[in-house]
Amino acid sequence: MPVVKIQQNQQRVNDFLESALAQVTVNEPRLHQAMNHGLLLGGKRIRPFLVYAVGEMFGLEKSQLDHIAGAIEAIHAYSLIHDDLPAMDDDELRRGQPTCHIAFDEATAILAGDALQTFAFELLCQAPQSDAQKVQLMQCLTKASGYRGMCGGQALDLAATDRSVTLEQLEQIHRLKTGALICAAVELGAIAANASSAHRELLSTFAQNIGLAFQVHDDILDVIGDTETLGKPQGSDEAANKSTYPALLGLEQAQDKAKQLIEQAISSLQALPFDSTLLQAFARYIIARNQ
């Protein structure tokens, strides 16, 4: 069920983003093409899925969530474009295709990332929520994507390259680098639905656990996956001398940790007075996926 729902939401957010980008006045065609390349190259669309799933759990229609789902995917796409640059992770493949700086050039890739970041907030400004909700949505996404979230986590990750880190330090890196945006997706859906603080707290616990589990499983896939399925070189983390959960804990213990995190996530959902079946199934999918 989660795979089918994810695919349905993939298509919906892809169509929405393609339409939204097509409406942008093209001043420089090459940059616009690079934005399309970075944003519409594919991907699981996990973050938009979470926006839709949480909002719908509270009774919202998908049409009330499209701008929010599109915004968080635009932020995610910009971060991947910049992560792939030679100055960062220096990757040439993303989702089985040339990365943005390979398909175009470094300067264009940097500008495409910058443009997608601002495009995200333009989408939030156009969302159908009230002005008060839009302020909350902006606060949530800026915190999650900036110094206190994703960017800060990437800086910690870069600083940890070629260095030994503790399990606690590794968790801090990934709670910021990967987890912050996943938590934001859940929170954005809850804000759009005007969820109570008590319900948002339970959802926050769910999101923190799946966010970390997502990264633990990504680290595991880098060890046991294959390049064709992953869409990027298998073993790239080890080649880059990055600290990972399998490297710190061993493969079996890393797998056990991911399972424990998912159990904790599901437990928090079960305390909600709503039908959380889809979100529970999604949590299990996180550690069952092969890419």
C-alpha atoms as a PDB file:
ATOM      1  CA  MET A   1       0.000   0.000   0.000  1.00  0.00           C
ATOM      2  CA  PRO A   2       2.643   2.645   0.829  1.00  0.00           C
ATOM      3  CA  VAL A   3       4.456   2.028  -2.466  1.00  0.00           C
ATOM      4  CA  VAL A   4       1.240   2.582  -4.441  1.00  0.00           C
ATOM      5  CA  LYS A   5       0.401   5.707  -2.433  1.00  0.00           C
ATOM      6  CA  ILE A   6       3.938   7.023  -2.790  1.00  0.00           C
ATOM      7  CA  GLN A   7       3.781   6.505  -6.567  1.00  0.00           C
ATOM      8  CA  GLN A   8       0.414   8.294  -6.770  1.00  0.00           C
ATOM      9  CA  ASN A   9       1.791  11.236  -4.828  1.00  0.00           C
ATOM     10  CA  GLN A  10       4.999  11.183  -6.890  1.00  0.00           C
ATOM     11  CA  GLN A  11       2.962  11.723 -10.020  1.00  0.00           C
ATOM     12  CA  ARG A  12       0.819  14.405  -8.405  1.00  0.00           C
ATOM     13  CA  VAL A  13       3.716  16.474  -7.068  1.00  0.00           C
ATOM     14  CA  ASN A  14       5.697  15.971 -10.294  1.00  0.00           C
ATOM     15  CA  ASP A  15       2.780  17.291 -12.336  1.00  0.00           C
ATOM     16  CA  PHE A  16       2.343  20.211  -9.948  1.00  0.00           C
ATOM     17  CA  LEU A  17       6.041  21.142 -10.005  1.00  0.00           C
ATOM     18  CA  GLU A  18       6.336  20.784 -13.767  1.00  0.00           C
ATOM     19  CA  SER A  19       3.341  23.102 -14.194  1.00  0.00           C
ATOM     20  CA  ALA A  20       4.639  25.598 -11.626  1.00  0.00           C
ATOM     21  CA  LEU A  21       8.096  25.740 -13.251  1.00  0.00           C
ATOM     22  CA  ALA A  22       6.552  26.116 -16.690  1.00  0.00           C
ATOM     23  CA  GLN A  23       4.806  29.271 -15.467  1.00  0.00           C
ATOM     24  CA  VAL A  24       8.117  30.889 -14.458  1.00  0.00           C
ATOM     25  CA  THR A  25       9.202  33.551 -16.951  1.00  0.00           C
ATOM     26  CA  VAL A  26      12.313  32.222 -18.702  1.00  0.00           C
ATOM     27  CA  ASN A  27      15.036  34.867 -18.698  1.00  0.00           C
ATOM     28  CA  GLU A  28      17.955  32.470 -19.097  1.00  0.00           C
ATOM     29  CA  PRO A  29      17.014  29.147 -20.755  1.00  0.00           C
ATOM     30  CA  ARG A  30      20.068  27.180 -19.582  1.00  0.00           C
ATOM     31  CA  LEU A  31      19.414  27.987 -15.925  1.00  0.00           C
ATOM     32  CA  HIS A  32      15.730  27.116 -16.324  1.00  0.00           C
ATOM     33  CA  GLN A  33      16.716  23.782 -17.888  1.00  0.00           C
ATOM     34  CA  ALA A  34      19.078  23.081 -14.980  1.00  0.00           C
ATOM     35  CA  MET A  35      16.276  23.815 -12.492  1.00  0.00           C
ATOM     36  CA  ASN A  36      14.060  21.337 -14.344  1.00  0.00           C
ATOM     37  CA  HIS A  37      16.882  18.782 -14.362  1.00  0.00           C
ATOM     38  CA  GLY A  38      17.421  19.060 -10.613  1.00  0.00           C
ATOM     39  CA  LEU A  39      13.754  19.161  -9.647  1.00  0.00           C
ATOM     40  CA  LEU A  40      12.148  16.735 -12.103  1.00  0.00           C
ATOM     41  CA  LEU A  41      14.880  14.109 -12.455  1.00  0.00           C
ATOM     42  CA  GLY A  42      12.867  11.615 -10.388  1.00  0.00           C
ATOM     43  CA  GLY A  43      13.194  10.418  -6.820  1.00  0.00           C
ATOM     44  CA  LYS A  44      10.949   8.822  -4.240  1.00  0.00           C
ATOM     45  CA  ARG A  45       9.243  12.110  -3.241  1.00  0.00           C
ATOM     46  CA  ILE A  46       9.198  10.946   0.381  1.00  0.00           C
ATOM     47  CA  ARG A  47       8.801  14.443   1.824  1.00  0.00           C
ATOM     48  CA  PRO A  48       5.808  15.417  -0.333  1.00  0.00           C
ATOM     49  CA  PHE A  49       4.262  12.040   0.506  1.00  0.00           C
ATOM     50  CA  LEU A  50       4.500  12.853   4.215  1.00  0.00           C
ATOM     51  CA  VAL A  51       2.923  16.278   3.709  1.00  0.00           C
ATOM     52  CA  TYR A  52      -0.002  14.681   1.868  1.00  0.00           C
ATOM     53  CA  ALA A  53      -0.362  11.723   4.271  1.00  0.00           C
ATOM     54  CA  VAL A  54      -0.383  13.845   7.419  1.00  0.00           C
ATOM     55  CA  GLY A  55      -2.697  16.479   5.968  1.00  0.00           C
ATOM     56  CA  GLU A  56      -5.123  13.873   4.686  1.00  0.00           C
ATOM     57  CA  MET A  57      -5.115  12.086   8.049  1.00  0.00           C
ATOM     58  CA  PHE A  58      -6.604  15.292   9.470  1.00  0.00           C
ATOM     59  CA  GLY A  59      -9.161  15.509   6.656  1.00  0.00           C
ATOM     60  CA  LEU A  60      -7.540  17.906   4.180  1.00  0.00           C
ATOM     61  CA  GLU A  61      -7.818  17.498   0.421  1.00  0.00           C
ATOM     62  CA  LYS A  62      -4.660  17.054  -1.647  1.00  0.00           C
ATOM     63  CA  SER A  63      -5.393  20.328  -3.429  1.00  0.00           C
ATOM     64  CA  GLN A  64      -4.896  22.106  -0.101  1.00  0.00           C
ATOM     65  CA  LEU A  65      -1.431  20.589   0.208  1.00  0.00           C
ATOM     66  CA  ASP A  66       0.103  20.799  -3.287  1.00  0.00           C
ATOM     67  CA  HIS A  67       2.025  24.052  -2.750  1.00  0.00           C
ATOM     68  CA  ILE A  68       3.449  22.833   0.553  1.00  0.00           C
ATOM     69  CA  ALA A  69       4.445  19.453  -0.882  1.00  0.00           C
ATOM     70  CA  GLY A  70       6.033  21.187  -3.884  1.00  0.00           C
ATOM     71  CA  ALA A  71       7.903  23.626  -1.664  1.00  0.00           C
ATOM     72  CA  ILE A  72       9.606  21.008   0.474  1.00  0.00           C
ATOM     73  CA  GLU A  73      10.589  18.985  -2.610  1.00  0.00           C
ATOM     74  CA  ALA A  74      12.116  22.110  -4.166  1.00  0.00           C
ATOM     75  CA  ILE A  75      14.217  22.580  -1.012  1.00  0.00           C
ATOM     76  CA  HIS A  76      15.257  18.929  -1.119  1.00  0.00           C
ATOM     77  CA  ALA A  77      16.182  19.193  -4.813  1.00  0.00           C
ATOM     78  CA  TYR A  78      18.299  22.301  -4.241  1.00  0.00           C
ATOM     79  CA  SER A  79      20.145  20.557  -1.407  1.00  0.00           C
ATOM     80  CA  LEU A  80      20.946  17.552  -3.617  1.00  0.00           C
ATOM     81  CA  ILE A  81      22.267  19.755  -6.426  1.00  0.00           C
ATOM     82  CA  HIS A  82      24.616  21.467  -3.976  1.00  0.00           C
ATOM     83  CA  ASP A  83      25.543  18.215  -2.170  1.00  0.00           C
ATOM     84  CA  ASP A  84      26.687  16.699  -5.461  1.00  0.00           C
ATOM     85  CA  LEU A  85      29.090  19.559  -6.268  1.00  0.00           C
ATOM     86  CA  PRO A  86      32.859  18.885  -6.293  1.00  0.00           C
ATOM     87  CA  ALA A  87      33.241  21.099  -3.224  1.00  0.00           C
ATOM     88  CA  MET A  88      30.832  18.852  -1.294  1.00  0.00           C
ATOM     89  CA  ASP A  89      30.305  15.136  -2.074  1.00  0.00           C
ATOM     90  CA  ASP A  90      31.673  15.321  -5.651  1.00  0.00           C
ATOM     91  CA  ASP A  91      29.129  12.915  -7.161  1.00  0.00           C
ATOM     92  CA  GLU A  92      28.606  12.404 -10.885  1.00  0.00           C
ATOM     93  CA  LEU A  93      25.429  10.295 -10.685  1.00  0.00           C
ATOM     94  CA  ARG A  94      22.082  11.078  -9.085  1.00  0.00           C
ATOM     95  CA  ARG A  95      19.082   8.770  -9.609  1.00  0.00           C
ATOM     96  CA  GLY A  96      20.990   7.056 -12.387  1.00  0.00           C
ATOM     97  CA  GLN A  97      21.445  10.308 -14.321  1.00  0.00           C
ATOM     98  CA  PRO A  98      24.300  12.850 -14.547  1.00  0.00           C
ATOM     99  CA  THR A  99      24.258  15.255 -11.621  1.00  0.00           C
ATOM    100  CA  CYS A 100      23.393  18.873 -12.352  1.00  0.00           C
ATOM    101  CA  HIS A 101      26.973  20.157 -12.522  1.00  0.00           C
ATOM    102  CA  ILE A 102      27.902  17.311 -14.884  1.00  0.00           C
ATOM    103  CA  ALA A 103      24.879  17.825 -17.134  1.00  0.00           C
ATOM    104  CA  PHE A 104      25.472  21.595 -17.182  1.00  0.00           C
ATOM    105  CA  ASP A 105      28.411  23.152 -15.300  1.00  0.00           C
ATOM    106  CA  GLU A 106      29.272  24.064 -11.717  1.00  0.00           C
ATOM    107  CA  ALA A 107      28.211  27.702 -11.881  1.00  0.00           C
ATOM    108  CA  THR A 108      24.856  26.832 -13.429  1.00  0.00           C
ATOM    109  CA  ALA A 109      24.317  24.078 -10.853  1.00  0.00           C
ATOM    110  CA  ILE A 110      24.961  26.491  -7.975  1.00  0.00           C
ATOM    111  CA  LEU A 111      22.531  29.011  -9.442  1.00  0.00           C
ATOM    112  CA  ALA A 112      19.924  26.298 -10.098  1.00  0.00           C
ATOM    113  CA  GLY A 113      20.100  25.276  -6.446  1.00  0.00           C
ATOM    114  CA  ASP A 114      19.816  28.887  -5.317  1.00  0.00           C
ATOM    115  CA  ALA A 115      16.845  29.461  -7.628  1.00  0.00           C
ATOM    116  CA  LEU A 116      15.026  26.325  -6.427  1.00  0.00           C
ATOM    117  CA  GLN A 117      15.488  27.385  -2.818  1.00  0.00           C
ATOM    118  CA  THR A 118      13.750  30.704  -3.423  1.00  0.00           C
ATOM    119  CA  PHE A 119      11.184  28.987  -5.671  1.00  0.00           C
ATOM    120  CA  ALA A 120      10.166  26.897  -2.643  1.00  0.00           C
ATOM    121  CA  PHE A 121       9.216  29.947  -0.625  1.00  0.00           C
ATOM    122  CA  GLU A 122       7.445  31.472  -3.604  1.00  0.00           C
ATOM    123  CA  LEU A 123       5.254  28.352  -3.645  1.00  0.00           C
ATOM    124  CA  LEU A 124       4.522  28.693   0.073  1.00  0.00           C
ATOM    125  CA  CYS A 125       3.433  32.287  -0.485  1.00  0.00           C
ATOM    126  CA  GLN A 126       0.905  30.993  -3.018  1.00  0.00           C
ATOM    127  CA  ALA A 127      -0.469  28.244  -0.732  1.00  0.00           C
ATOM    128  CA  PRO A 128      -4.217  28.344   0.069  1.00  0.00           C
ATOM    129  CA  GLN A 129      -3.654  28.506   3.844  1.00  0.00           C
ATOM    130  CA  SER A 130      -4.357  31.606   5.951  1.00  0.00           C
ATOM    131  CA  ASP A 131      -1.677  34.282   6.352  1.00  0.00           C
ATOM    132  CA  ALA A 132      -1.095  33.149   9.949  1.00  0.00           C
ATOM    133  CA  GLN A 133      -0.575  29.563   8.789  1.00  0.00           C
ATOM    134  CA  LYS A 134       1.762  30.709   6.012  1.00  0.00           C
ATOM    135  CA  VAL A 135       3.972  32.417   8.605  1.00  0.00           C
ATOM    136  CA  GLN A 136       4.128  29.151  10.564  1.00  0.00           C
ATOM    137  CA  LEU A 137       4.871  27.204   7.378  1.00  0.00           C
ATOM    138  CA  MET A 138       7.698  29.618   6.513  1.00  0.00           C
ATOM    139  CA  GLN A 139       9.149  29.399  10.024  1.00  0.00           C
ATOM    140  CA  CYS A 140       9.080  25.615   9.923  1.00  0.00           C
ATOM    141  CA  LEU A 141      10.733  25.259   6.512  1.00  0.00           C
ATOM    142  CA  THR A 142      13.380  27.949   7.055  1.00  0.00           C
ATOM    143  CA  LYS A 143      14.439  26.411  10.376  1.00  0.00           C
ATOM    144  CA  ALA A 144      14.587  22.897   8.930  1.00  0.00           C
ATOM    145  CA  SER A 145      16.552  23.885   5.825  1.00  0.00           C
ATOM    146  CA  GLY A 146      18.994  26.398   7.296  1.00  0.00           C
ATOM    147  CA  TYR A 147      21.765  26.563   9.864  1.00  0.00           C
ATOM    148  CA  ARG A 148      19.685  24.892  12.590  1.00  0.00           C
ATOM    149  CA  GLY A 149      18.735  22.053  10.266  1.00  0.00           C
ATOM    150  CA  MET A 150      19.869  20.681   6.927  1.00  0.00           C
ATOM    151  CA  CYS A 151      22.721  23.125   6.171  1.00  0.00           C
ATOM    152  CA  GLY A 152      24.116  22.789   9.680  1.00  0.00           C
ATOM    153  CA  GLY A 153      23.965  19.003   9.354  1.00  0.00           C
ATOM    154  CA  GLN A 154      25.796  19.084   6.022  1.00  0.00           C
ATOM    155  CA  ALA A 155      28.527  21.247   7.579  1.00  0.00           C
ATOM    156  CA  LEU A 156      28.907  18.754  10.440  1.00  0.00           C
ATOM    157  CA  ASP A 157      29.004  15.898   7.929  1.00  0.00           C
ATOM    158  CA  LEU A 158      31.758  17.562   5.916  1.00  0.00           C
ATOM    159  CA  ALA A 159      33.721  18.293   9.094  1.00  0.00           C
ATOM    160  CA  ALA A 160      33.460  14.622  10.099  1.00  0.00           C
ATOM    161  CA  THR A 161      34.940  13.317   6.830  1.00  0.00           C
ATOM    162  CA  ASP A 162      38.240  11.488   7.428  1.00  0.00           C
ATOM    163  CA  ARG A 163      37.590  11.706  11.171  1.00  0.00           C
ATOM    164  CA  SER A 164      36.280   9.245  13.729  1.00  0.00           C
ATOM    165  CA  VAL A 165      33.005  10.312  15.311  1.00  0.00           C
ATOM    166  CA  THR A 166      30.956   8.827  18.138  1.00  0.00           C
ATOM    167  CA  LEU A 167      27.495   7.362  17.643  1.00  0.00           C
ATOM    168  CA  GLU A 168      26.037  10.418  19.399  1.00  0.00           C
ATOM    169  CA  GLN A 169      27.851  12.770  17.009  1.00  0.00           C
ATOM    170  CA  LEU A 170      26.731  10.753  13.979  1.00  0.00           C
ATOM    171  CA  GLU A 171      23.114  10.892  15.144  1.00  0.00           C
ATOM    172  CA  GLN A 172      23.365  14.666  15.563  1.00  0.00           C
ATOM    173  CA  ILE A 173      24.667  14.981  11.995  1.00  0.00           C
ATOM    174  CA  HIS A 174      21.821  12.975  10.532  1.00  0.00           C
ATOM    175  CA  ARG A 175      19.045  14.387  12.718  1.00  0.00           C
ATOM    176  CA  LEU A 176      19.987  17.713  11.142  1.00  0.00           C
ATOM    177  CA  LYS A 177      21.157  16.769   7.638  1.00  0.00           C
ATOM    178  CA  THR A 178      18.390  14.281   6.775  1.00  0.00           C
ATOM    179  CA  GLY A 179      15.988  14.206   9.693  1.00  0.00           C
ATOM    180  CA  ALA A 180      15.223  17.932   9.892  1.00  0.00           C
ATOM    181  CA  LEU A 181      13.554  18.065   6.476  1.00  0.00           C
ATOM    182  CA  ILE A 182      11.633  14.836   7.083  1.00  0.00           C
ATOM    183  CA  CYS A 183      10.416  16.246  10.404  1.00  0.00           C
ATOM    184  CA  ALA A 184       9.477  19.449   8.595  1.00  0.00           C
ATOM    185  CA  ALA A 185       7.368  17.515   6.065  1.00  0.00           C
ATOM    186  CA  VAL A 186       5.321  16.015   8.890  1.00  0.00           C
ATOM    187  CA  GLU A 187       5.064  19.318  10.732  1.00  0.00           C
ATOM    188  CA  LEU A 188       4.052  21.219   7.593  1.00  0.00           C
ATOM    189  CA  GLY A 189       1.150  18.822   7.046  1.00  0.00           C
ATOM    190  CA  ALA A 190       0.089  19.276  10.663  1.00  0.00           C
ATOM    191  CA  ILE A 191       0.309  23.087  10.437  1.00  0.00           C
ATOM    192  CA  ALA A 192      -1.813  23.073   7.286  1.00  0.00           C
ATOM    193  CA  ALA A 193      -4.439  21.056   9.166  1.00  0.00           C
ATOM    194  CA  ASN A 194      -4.341  23.257  12.293  1.00  0.00           C
ATOM    195  CA  ALA A 195      -3.452  20.211  14.405  1.00  0.00           C
ATOM    196  CA  SER A 196      -3.358  20.590  18.179  1.00  0.00           C
ATOM    197  CA  SER A 197      -0.034  20.924  20.009  1.00  0.00           C
ATOM    198  CA  ALA A 198      -0.540  17.492  21.615  1.00  0.00           C
ATOM    199  CA  HIS A 199      -1.054  15.830  18.246  1.00  0.00           C
ATOM    200  CA  ARG A 200       1.885  17.711  16.756  1.00  0.00           C
ATOM    201  CA  GLU A 201       4.115  16.490  19.581  1.00  0.00           C
ATOM    202  CA  LEU A 202       3.241  12.848  18.874  1.00  0.00           C
ATOM    203  CA  LEU A 203       3.831  13.422  15.166  1.00  0.00           C
ATOM    204  CA  SER A 204       7.166  15.054  15.958  1.00  0.00           C
ATOM    205  CA  THR A 205       8.284  11.925  17.836  1.00  0.00           C
ATOM    206  CA  PHE A 206       7.190   9.809  14.870  1.00  0.00           C
ATOM    207  CA  ALA A 207       9.064  12.061  12.435  1.00  0.00           C
ATOM    208  CA  GLN A 208      12.294  12.154  14.439  1.00  0.00           C
ATOM    209  CA  ASN A 209      12.408   8.366  14.570  1.00  0.00           C
ATOM    210  CA  ILE A 210      11.636   7.765  10.900  1.00  0.00           C
ATOM    211  CA  GLY A 211      14.068  10.512   9.907  1.00  0.00           C
ATOM    212  CA  LEU A 212      16.925   8.781  11.692  1.00  0.00           C
ATOM    213  CA  ALA A 213      15.799   5.336  10.532  1.00  0.00           C
ATOM    214  CA  PHE A 214      15.786   6.609   6.948  1.00  0.00           C
ATOM    215  CA  GLN A 215      19.456   7.593   7.212  1.00  0.00           C
ATOM    216  CA  VAL A 216      20.471   4.401   9.022  1.00  0.00           C
ATOM    217  CA  HIS A 217      18.872   2.374   6.236  1.00  0.00           C
ATOM    218  CA  ASP A 218      20.524   4.549   3.572  1.00  0.00           C
ATOM    219  CA  ASP A 219      23.874   3.731   5.172  1.00  0.00           C
ATOM    220  CA  ILE A 220      22.961   0.041   5.135  1.00  0.00           C
ATOM    221  CA  LEU A 221      21.989   0.188   1.452  1.00  0.00           C
ATOM    222  CA  ASP A 222      25.358   1.742   0.636  1.00  0.00           C
ATOM    223  CA  VAL A 223      26.861  -1.515   1.931  1.00  0.00           C
ATOM    224  CA  ILE A 224      24.394  -4.124   0.653  1.00  0.00           C
ATOM    225  CA  GLY A 225      22.812  -2.381  -2.361  1.00  0.00           C
ATOM    226  CA  ASP A 226      23.955  -2.225  -5.970  1.00  0.00           C
ATOM    227  CA  THR A 227      24.766   0.785  -8.124  1.00  0.00           C
ATOM    228  CA  GLU A 228      22.016   0.183 -10.694  1.00  0.00           C
ATOM    229  CA  THR A 229      19.242  -0.001  -8.075  1.00  0.00           C
ATOM    230  CA  LEU A 230      20.617   2.807  -5.907  1.00  0.00           C
ATOM    231  CA  GLY A 231      21.102   5.157  -8.857  1.00  0.00           C
ATOM    232  CA  LYS A 232      24.474   6.180  -7.425  1.00  0.00           C
ATOM    233  CA  PRO A 233      27.775   4.318  -6.885  1.00  0.00           C
ATOM    234  CA  GLN A 234      27.469   1.537  -4.299  1.00  0.00           C
ATOM    235  CA  GLY A 235      30.056   1.963  -1.548  1.00  0.00           C
ATOM    236  CA  SER A 236      30.379   5.703  -2.155  1.00  0.00           C
ATOM    237  CA  ASP A 237      30.235   6.455   1.586  1.00  0.00           C
ATOM    238  CA  GLU A 238      33.129   4.115   2.314  1.00  0.00           C
ATOM    239  CA  ALA A 239      35.067   5.474  -0.665  1.00  0.00           C
ATOM    240  CA  ALA A 240      34.613   8.999   0.684  1.00  0.00           C
ATOM    241  CA  ASN A 241      35.703   7.816   4.150  1.00  0.00           C
ATOM    242  CA  LYS A 242      32.439   8.923   5.729  1.00  0.00           C
ATOM    243  CA  SER A 243      31.264   7.775   9.147  1.00  0.00           C
ATOM    244  CA  THR A 244      28.212   5.522   8.835  1.00  0.00           C
ATOM    245  CA  TYR A 245      26.080   3.394  11.135  1.00  0.00           C
ATOM    246  CA  PRO A 246      27.312   0.057   9.742  1.00  0.00           C
ATOM    247  CA  ALA A 247      30.905   1.265  10.146  1.00  0.00           C
ATOM    248  CA  LEU A 248      30.296   2.258  13.769  1.00  0.00           C
ATOM    249  CA  LEU A 249      27.914  -0.494  14.868  1.00  0.00           C
ATOM    250  CA  GLY A 250      28.421  -3.295  12.395  1.00  0.00           C
ATOM    251  CA  LEU A 251      25.853  -4.196   9.747  1.00  0.00           C
ATOM    252  CA  GLU A 252      23.618  -6.399  11.917  1.00  0.00           C
ATOM    253  CA  GLN A 253      23.440  -3.925  14.791  1.00  0.00           C
ATOM    254  CA  ALA A 254      22.728  -1.077  12.362  1.00  0.00           C
ATOM    255  CA  GLN A 255      19.805  -3.083  10.984  1.00  0.00           C
ATOM    256  CA  ASP A 256      18.556  -3.707  14.530  1.00  0.00           C
ATOM    257  CA  LYS A 257      18.787   0.004  15.311  1.00  0.00           C
ATOM    258  CA  ALA A 258      16.689   0.878  12.262  1.00  0.00           C
ATOM    259  CA  LYS A 259      14.025  -1.618  13.351  1.00  0.00           C
ATOM    260  CA  GLN A 260      13.938  -0.191  16.887  1.00  0.00           C
ATOM    261  CA  LEU A 261      13.502   3.345  15.570  1.00  0.00           C
ATOM    262  CA  ILE A 262      10.559   2.243  13.399  1.00  0.00           C
ATOM    263  CA  GLU A 263       8.914   0.484  16.349  1.00  0.00           C
ATOM    264  CA  GLN A 264       9.196   3.694  18.383  1.00  0.00           C
ATOM    265  CA  ALA A 265       7.773   5.716  15.494  1.00  0.00           C
ATOM    266  CA  ILE A 266       4.754   3.428  15.152  1.00  0.00           C
ATOM    267  CA  SER A 267       4.164   3.508  18.909  1.00  0.00           C
ATOM    268  CA  SER A 268       3.787   7.294  18.831  1.00  0.00           C
ATOM    269  CA  LEU A 269       1.297   7.063  15.933  1.00  0.00           C
ATOM    270  CA  GLN A 270      -0.824   4.558  17.818  1.00  0.00           C
ATOM    271  CA  ALA A 271      -1.422   7.198  20.513  1.00  0.00           C
ATOM    272  CA  LEU A 272      -3.179   9.440  17.965  1.00  0.00           C
ATOM    273  CA  PRO A 273      -7.016   9.366  17.779  1.00  0.00           C
ATOM    274  CA  PHE A 274      -6.892   9.095  13.961  1.00  0.00           C
ATOM    275  CA  ASP A 275      -6.455   6.360  11.393  1.00  0.00           C
ATOM    276  CA  SER A 276      -2.680   6.296  11.009  1.00  0.00           C
ATOM    277  CA  THR A 277      -2.548   3.023   9.055  1.00  0.00           C
ATOM    278  CA  LEU A 278      -0.893   4.623   6.032  1.00  0.00           C
ATOM    279  CA  LEU A 279       1.799   6.355   8.077  1.00  0.00           C
ATOM    280  CA  GLN A 280       2.488   3.134   9.986  1.00  0.00           C
ATOM    281  CA  ALA A 281       2.845   1.224   6.710  1.00  0.00           C
ATOM    282  CA  PHE A 282       5.145   3.955   5.424  1.00  0.00           C
ATOM    283  CA  ALA A 283       7.347   3.658   8.520  1.00  0.00           C
ATOM    284  CA  ARG A 284       7.790  -0.052   7.834  1.00  0.00           C
ATOM    285  CA  TYR A 285       8.508   0.656   4.177  1.00  0.00           C
ATOM    286  CA  ILE A 286      11.451   2.897   5.128  1.00  0.00           C
ATOM    287  CA  ILE A 287      13.544  -0.069   6.226  1.00  0.00           C
ATOM    288  CA  ALA A 288      12.181  -2.467   3.574  1.00  0.00           C
ATOM    289  CA  ARG A 289      13.081  -0.349   0.520  1.00  0.00           C
ATOM    290  CA  ASN A 290      16.042  -1.221  -1.707  1.00  0.00           C
ATOM    291  CA  GLN A 291      16.853   2.321  -2.898  1.00  0.00           C
END
